[in-house]
Amino acid sequence: MLFTVVGVLDKQKQAFGGGKNPADNVAYFPISTFHKLHPEDLDYWISLKYDDPKNLPLVQDEVTGTAAPPPQVANEAADNFAVFGTDTLTRLWNQITGGLFLLLFALSSVALMVAASAS
């Protein structure tokens, strides 16, 4: 597949060190082109950065309003998207590590009981 380059971005400064920035090796193209290249991939991940933590609810409302169908369109289906923030990821991480702790605690308890009954 051939592409036409319509513009080149300036090189970005790297956050740490003086080496090459991997972000300089990125190509941007329309989502319709992505659909043609990967028709099987229907999930998208959009990352946003906001200026101040107190603006998070405003940003989430704006994203939800943009992604949802307009009110004049009769759509009975639930929204097919979700908004995740850092608090969601932190909560998920705590659930995963808590579950692993309980699993390891149960396994070590069983191992101790087996060892105690064998002696």
N, C-alpha and C. Protein backbone atom coordinates (compact mmCIF):
# COMPACT_ATOMS: atom_id res chain seq x y z
N MET A 1 0.85 -1.17 0.00
CA MET A 1 0.00 0.00 0.00
C MET A 1 0.90 1.24 0.00
N LEU A 2 0.63 2.17 -0.86
CA LEU A 2 1.41 3.39 -0.96
C LEU A 2 0.70 4.52 -0.20
N PHE A 3 1.48 5.36 0.41
CA PHE A 3 0.96 6.50 1.16
C PHE A 3 1.62 7.77 0.65
N THR A 4 0.92 8.87 0.76
CA THR A 4 1.46 10.17 0.41
C THR A 4 1.72 10.95 1.69
N VAL A 5 2.94 11.42 1.86
CA VAL A 5 3.29 12.21 3.04
C VAL A 5 2.83 13.64 2.79
N VAL A 6 1.98 14.15 3.68
CA VAL A 6 1.45 15.50 3.50
C VAL A 6 2.07 16.50 4.47
N GLY A 7 2.86 16.01 5.41
CA GLY A 7 3.50 16.91 6.36
C GLY A 7 4.44 16.16 7.27
N VAL A 8 5.38 16.88 7.84
CA VAL A 8 6.35 16.30 8.77
C VAL A 8 6.36 17.17 10.02
N LEU A 9 6.26 16.53 11.18
CA LEU A 9 6.29 17.25 12.45
C LEU A 9 7.72 17.57 12.87
N ASP A 10 7.89 18.61 13.66
CA ASP A 10 9.20 18.92 14.21
C ASP A 10 9.61 17.82 15.17
N LYS A 11 10.92 17.62 15.31
CA LYS A 11 11.41 16.63 16.27
C LYS A 11 11.02 17.07 17.67
N GLN A 12 10.64 16.08 18.49
CA GLN A 12 10.21 16.34 19.86
C GLN A 12 11.38 16.14 20.81
N LYS A 13 11.44 16.96 21.84
CA LYS A 13 12.47 16.80 22.86
C LYS A 13 12.15 15.58 23.69
N GLN A 14 13.19 14.84 24.05
CA GLN A 14 13.00 13.66 24.89
C GLN A 14 12.95 14.10 26.34
N ALA A 15 12.10 13.44 27.12
CA ALA A 15 11.92 13.83 28.52
C ALA A 15 13.20 13.65 29.32
N PHE A 16 13.90 12.53 29.12
CA PHE A 16 15.12 12.25 29.89
C PHE A 16 16.24 11.89 28.94
N GLY A 17 17.43 12.34 29.24
CA GLY A 17 18.58 11.99 28.41
C GLY A 17 18.62 12.80 27.14
N GLY A 18 19.63 12.53 26.35
CA GLY A 18 19.80 13.29 25.12
C GLY A 18 19.70 12.44 23.88
N GLY A 19 19.21 11.20 24.01
CA GLY A 19 19.14 10.29 22.87
C GLY A 19 17.98 10.61 21.95
N LYS A 20 17.78 9.70 21.01
CA LYS A 20 16.69 9.87 20.06
C LYS A 20 15.36 9.64 20.76
N ASN A 21 14.36 10.38 20.35
CA ASN A 21 13.03 10.26 20.92
C ASN A 21 12.22 9.29 20.06
N PRO A 22 11.73 8.17 20.64
CA PRO A 22 10.93 7.21 19.86
C PRO A 22 9.66 7.84 19.28
N ALA A 23 9.17 8.92 19.88
CA ALA A 23 7.96 9.57 19.37
C ALA A 23 8.21 10.22 18.01
N ASP A 24 9.47 10.39 17.63
CA ASP A 24 9.78 10.96 16.31
C ASP A 24 9.59 9.94 15.19
N ASN A 25 9.40 8.67 15.53
CA ASN A 25 9.23 7.62 14.54
C ASN A 25 7.78 7.16 14.46
N VAL A 26 6.85 8.09 14.46
CA VAL A 26 5.42 7.79 14.46
C VAL A 26 4.81 8.37 13.19
N ALA A 27 3.90 7.61 12.60
CA ALA A 27 3.16 8.09 11.43
C ALA A 27 1.69 8.22 11.82
N TYR A 28 1.06 9.29 11.41
CA TYR A 28 -0.36 9.52 11.68
C TYR A 28 -1.12 9.40 10.36
N PHE A 29 -2.27 8.72 10.43
CA PHE A 29 -3.11 8.59 9.24
C PHE A 29 -4.56 8.52 9.67
N PRO A 30 -5.49 8.76 8.75
CA PRO A 30 -6.92 8.79 9.11
C PRO A 30 -7.41 7.43 9.61
N ILE A 31 -8.42 7.47 10.46
CA ILE A 31 -8.99 6.24 11.01
C ILE A 31 -9.58 5.37 9.91
N SER A 32 -10.07 5.97 8.84
CA SER A 32 -10.61 5.18 7.73
C SER A 32 -9.51 4.34 7.08
N THR A 33 -8.29 4.86 7.04
CA THR A 33 -7.17 4.09 6.51
C THR A 33 -6.86 2.92 7.44
N PHE A 34 -6.94 3.16 8.72
CA PHE A 34 -6.72 2.08 9.70
C PHE A 34 -7.74 0.97 9.49
N HIS A 35 -9.02 1.35 9.25
CA HIS A 35 -10.09 0.36 8.99
C HIS A 35 -9.75 -0.49 7.77
N LYS A 36 -9.22 0.14 6.74
CA LYS A 36 -8.87 -0.61 5.53
C LYS A 36 -7.72 -1.58 5.80
N LEU A 37 -6.75 -1.16 6.62
CA LEU A 37 -5.60 -2.01 6.92
C LEU A 37 -5.95 -3.12 7.90
N HIS A 38 -6.81 -2.83 8.86
CA HIS A 38 -7.15 -3.79 9.92
C HIS A 38 -8.66 -3.82 10.14
N PRO A 39 -9.42 -4.44 9.25
CA PRO A 39 -10.88 -4.48 9.43
C PRO A 39 -11.30 -5.32 10.63
N GLU A 40 -10.42 -6.20 11.12
CA GLU A 40 -10.76 -7.05 12.25
C GLU A 40 -10.67 -6.33 13.59
N ASP A 41 -9.97 -5.23 13.64
CA ASP A 41 -9.75 -4.51 14.90
C ASP A 41 -10.82 -3.45 15.07
N LEU A 42 -11.72 -3.67 16.02
CA LEU A 42 -12.84 -2.75 16.22
C LEU A 42 -12.71 -1.92 17.50
N ASP A 43 -11.68 -2.18 18.30
CA ASP A 43 -11.49 -1.44 19.55
C ASP A 43 -10.50 -0.31 19.34
N TYR A 44 -10.79 0.81 19.97
CA TYR A 44 -9.90 1.96 19.89
C TYR A 44 -9.57 2.42 21.30
N TRP A 45 -8.39 2.96 21.45
CA TRP A 45 -7.96 3.50 22.73
C TRP A 45 -7.53 4.93 22.46
N ILE A 46 -8.21 5.87 23.07
CA ILE A 46 -7.88 7.28 22.90
C ILE A 46 -7.37 7.79 24.24
N SER A 47 -6.17 8.33 24.25
CA SER A 47 -5.58 8.86 25.48
C SER A 47 -5.67 10.37 25.45
N LEU A 48 -6.10 10.94 26.55
CA LEU A 48 -6.20 12.39 26.68
C LEU A 48 -5.43 12.84 27.91
N LYS A 49 -4.89 14.03 27.82
CA LYS A 49 -4.21 14.63 28.95
C LYS A 49 -4.91 15.94 29.27
N TYR A 50 -5.17 16.18 30.54
CA TYR A 50 -5.83 17.42 30.92
C TYR A 50 -4.89 18.25 31.77
N ASP A 51 -5.16 19.55 31.83
CA ASP A 51 -4.22 20.49 32.44
C ASP A 51 -4.25 20.49 33.96
N ASP A 52 -5.39 20.24 34.56
CA ASP A 52 -5.53 20.36 36.01
C ASP A 52 -6.46 19.26 36.51
N PRO A 53 -6.10 18.54 37.58
CA PRO A 53 -6.96 17.46 38.08
C PRO A 53 -8.39 17.91 38.40
N LYS A 54 -8.58 19.16 38.74
CA LYS A 54 -9.95 19.61 39.04
C LYS A 54 -10.80 19.68 37.77
N ASN A 55 -10.18 19.64 36.57
CA ASN A 55 -10.91 19.67 35.31
C ASN A 55 -11.29 18.27 34.81
N LEU A 56 -10.91 17.22 35.55
CA LEU A 56 -11.20 15.86 35.11
C LEU A 56 -12.68 15.62 34.84
N PRO A 57 -13.61 16.00 35.73
CA PRO A 57 -15.03 15.76 35.42
C PRO A 57 -15.48 16.48 34.14
N LEU A 58 -14.98 17.68 33.92
CA LEU A 58 -15.33 18.43 32.71
C LEU A 58 -14.83 17.71 31.46
N VAL A 59 -13.59 17.22 31.51
CA VAL A 59 -13.00 16.50 30.37
C VAL A 59 -13.78 15.21 30.12
N GLN A 60 -14.12 14.48 31.19
CA GLN A 60 -14.87 13.24 31.02
C GLN A 60 -16.25 13.51 30.42
N ASP A 61 -16.91 14.57 30.86
CA ASP A 61 -18.22 14.92 30.31
C ASP A 61 -18.10 15.28 28.83
N GLU A 62 -17.05 16.01 28.47
CA GLU A 62 -16.84 16.41 27.08
C GLU A 62 -16.58 15.19 26.19
N VAL A 63 -15.75 14.28 26.67
CA VAL A 63 -15.45 13.07 25.90
C VAL A 63 -16.70 12.22 25.76
N THR A 64 -17.44 12.06 26.83
CA THR A 64 -18.67 11.26 26.79
C THR A 64 -19.68 11.88 25.84
N GLY A 65 -19.83 13.18 25.86
CA GLY A 65 -20.76 13.86 24.97
C GLY A 65 -20.34 13.76 23.52
N THR A 66 -19.05 13.75 23.26
CA THR A 66 -18.55 13.65 21.89
C THR A 66 -18.70 12.23 21.35
N ALA A 67 -18.45 11.23 22.20
CA ALA A 67 -18.48 9.84 21.74
C ALA A 67 -19.90 9.28 21.66
N ALA A 68 -20.81 9.82 22.45
CA ALA A 68 -22.19 9.31 22.46
C ALA A 68 -22.94 9.80 21.23
N PRO A 69 -23.98 9.05 20.81
CA PRO A 69 -24.78 9.52 19.68
C PRO A 69 -25.53 10.79 20.04
N PRO A 70 -25.79 11.66 19.08
CA PRO A 70 -26.51 12.90 19.36
C PRO A 70 -27.91 12.61 19.92
N PRO A 71 -28.46 13.51 20.74
CA PRO A 71 -29.77 13.27 21.35
C PRO A 71 -30.89 13.07 20.35
N GLN A 72 -30.79 13.70 19.16
CA GLN A 72 -31.87 13.57 18.19
C GLN A 72 -31.88 12.20 17.50
N VAL A 73 -30.80 11.40 17.69
CA VAL A 73 -30.75 10.06 17.10
C VAL A 73 -31.32 9.07 18.11
N ALA A 74 -32.37 8.37 17.72
CA ALA A 74 -32.98 7.37 18.60
C ALA A 74 -32.06 6.16 18.67
N ASN A 75 -31.42 5.99 19.80
CA ASN A 75 -30.49 4.88 19.98
C ASN A 75 -30.77 4.26 21.33
N GLU A 76 -31.36 3.08 21.32
CA GLU A 76 -31.71 2.40 22.57
C GLU A 76 -30.53 1.62 23.15
N ALA A 77 -29.49 1.41 22.36
CA ALA A 77 -28.35 0.64 22.83
C ALA A 77 -27.54 1.45 23.83
N ALA A 78 -26.93 0.74 24.75
CA ALA A 78 -26.06 1.40 25.73
C ALA A 78 -24.82 1.94 25.02
N ASP A 79 -24.17 2.89 25.64
CA ASP A 79 -22.94 3.43 25.06
C ASP A 79 -21.93 2.30 24.88
N ASN A 80 -21.27 2.29 23.75
CA ASN A 80 -20.30 1.24 23.48
C ASN A 80 -18.88 1.71 23.75
N PHE A 81 -18.73 2.53 24.77
CA PHE A 81 -17.42 3.02 25.14
C PHE A 81 -17.37 3.20 26.65
N ALA A 82 -16.17 3.33 27.16
CA ALA A 82 -15.98 3.57 28.59
C ALA A 82 -14.88 4.60 28.76
N VAL A 83 -14.96 5.36 29.83
CA VAL A 83 -13.94 6.35 30.15
C VAL A 83 -13.20 5.86 31.37
N PHE A 84 -11.89 5.68 31.23
CA PHE A 84 -11.06 5.22 32.33
C PHE A 84 -10.11 6.34 32.73
N GLY A 85 -10.00 6.56 34.01
CA GLY A 85 -9.04 7.52 34.53
C GLY A 85 -7.99 6.80 35.34
N THR A 86 -7.05 7.55 35.87
CA THR A 86 -6.01 6.94 36.68
C THR A 86 -6.59 6.29 37.93
N ASP A 87 -7.69 6.85 38.44
CA ASP A 87 -8.32 6.24 39.62
C ASP A 87 -8.88 4.87 39.28
N THR A 88 -9.38 4.69 38.06
CA THR A 88 -9.90 3.38 37.63
C THR A 88 -8.77 2.37 37.55
N LEU A 89 -7.64 2.79 36.99
CA LEU A 89 -6.50 1.88 36.88
C LEU A 89 -5.94 1.54 38.25
N THR A 90 -5.90 2.51 39.15
CA THR A 90 -5.42 2.25 40.51
C THR A 90 -6.33 1.27 41.22
N ARG A 91 -7.64 1.45 41.08
CA ARG A 91 -8.61 0.54 41.70
C ARG A 91 -8.45 -0.87 41.13
N LEU A 92 -8.27 -0.99 39.82
CA LEU A 92 -8.07 -2.29 39.19
C LEU A 92 -6.80 -2.95 39.70
N TRP A 93 -5.72 -2.19 39.80
CA TRP A 93 -4.44 -2.72 40.30
C TRP A 93 -4.62 -3.22 41.74
N ASN A 94 -5.32 -2.47 42.57
CA ASN A 94 -5.54 -2.89 43.97
C ASN A 94 -6.36 -4.17 44.03
N GLN A 95 -7.35 -4.32 43.17
CA GLN A 95 -8.15 -5.54 43.14
C GLN A 95 -7.31 -6.74 42.71
N ILE A 96 -6.47 -6.55 41.71
CA ILE A 96 -5.63 -7.65 41.24
C ILE A 96 -4.64 -8.07 42.31
N THR A 97 -3.94 -7.11 42.90
CA THR A 97 -2.95 -7.46 43.92
C THR A 97 -3.61 -8.03 45.16
N GLY A 98 -4.81 -7.53 45.51
CA GLY A 98 -5.53 -8.09 46.66
C GLY A 98 -5.92 -9.53 46.41
N GLY A 99 -6.39 -9.83 45.20
CA GLY A 99 -6.74 -11.21 44.84
C GLY A 99 -5.53 -12.13 44.86
N LEU A 100 -4.40 -11.65 44.36
CA LEU A 100 -3.18 -12.45 44.39
C LEU A 100 -2.72 -12.71 45.83
N PHE A 101 -2.85 -11.71 46.69
CA PHE A 101 -2.48 -11.89 48.09
C PHE A 101 -3.33 -12.98 48.73
N LEU A 102 -4.65 -12.94 48.50
CA LEU A 102 -5.53 -13.95 49.07
C LEU A 102 -5.20 -15.35 48.54
N LEU A 103 -4.91 -15.45 47.25
CA LEU A 103 -4.55 -16.73 46.66
C LEU A 103 -3.27 -17.28 47.28
N LEU A 104 -2.25 -16.43 47.37
CA LEU A 104 -0.98 -16.89 47.96
C LEU A 104 -1.14 -17.23 49.43
N PHE A 105 -1.96 -16.48 50.16
CA PHE A 105 -2.20 -16.77 51.56
C PHE A 105 -2.88 -18.12 51.71
N ALA A 106 -3.87 -18.41 50.87
CA ALA A 106 -4.58 -19.69 50.93
C ALA A 106 -3.64 -20.84 50.58
N LEU A 107 -2.82 -20.67 49.54
CA LEU A 107 -1.88 -21.73 49.16
C LEU A 107 -0.84 -21.99 50.24
N SER A 108 -0.33 -20.94 50.86
CA SER A 108 0.67 -21.15 51.91
C SER A 108 0.04 -21.77 53.15
N SER A 109 -1.23 -21.44 53.44
CA SER A 109 -1.92 -22.06 54.58
C SER A 109 -2.09 -23.55 54.35
N VAL A 110 -2.49 -23.93 53.15
CA VAL A 110 -2.64 -25.35 52.83
C VAL A 110 -1.29 -26.06 52.94
N ALA A 111 -0.23 -25.44 52.44
CA ALA A 111 1.09 -26.02 52.52
C ALA A 111 1.53 -26.21 53.96
N LEU A 112 1.25 -25.26 54.83
CA LEU A 112 1.60 -25.38 56.25
C LEU A 112 0.82 -26.50 56.92
N MET A 113 -0.48 -26.63 56.59
CA MET A 113 -1.29 -27.70 57.18
C MET A 113 -0.80 -29.07 56.71
N VAL A 114 -0.44 -29.20 55.46
CA VAL A 114 0.08 -30.47 54.95
C VAL A 114 1.41 -30.80 55.62
N ALA A 115 2.27 -29.81 55.76
CA ALA A 115 3.57 -30.03 56.40
C ALA A 115 3.40 -30.39 57.87
N ALA A 116 2.43 -29.77 58.55
CA ALA A 116 2.22 -30.06 59.98
C ALA A 116 1.64 -31.45 60.16
N SER A 117 0.76 -31.89 59.28
CA SER A 117 0.16 -33.21 59.43
C SER A 117 1.14 -34.32 59.03
N ALA A 118 2.12 -34.01 58.19
CA ALA A 118 3.09 -35.01 57.76
C ALA A 118 4.14 -35.28 58.85
N SER A 119 4.33 -34.34 59.75
CA SER A 119 5.39 -34.55 60.75
C SER A 119 4.90 -35.12 62.04
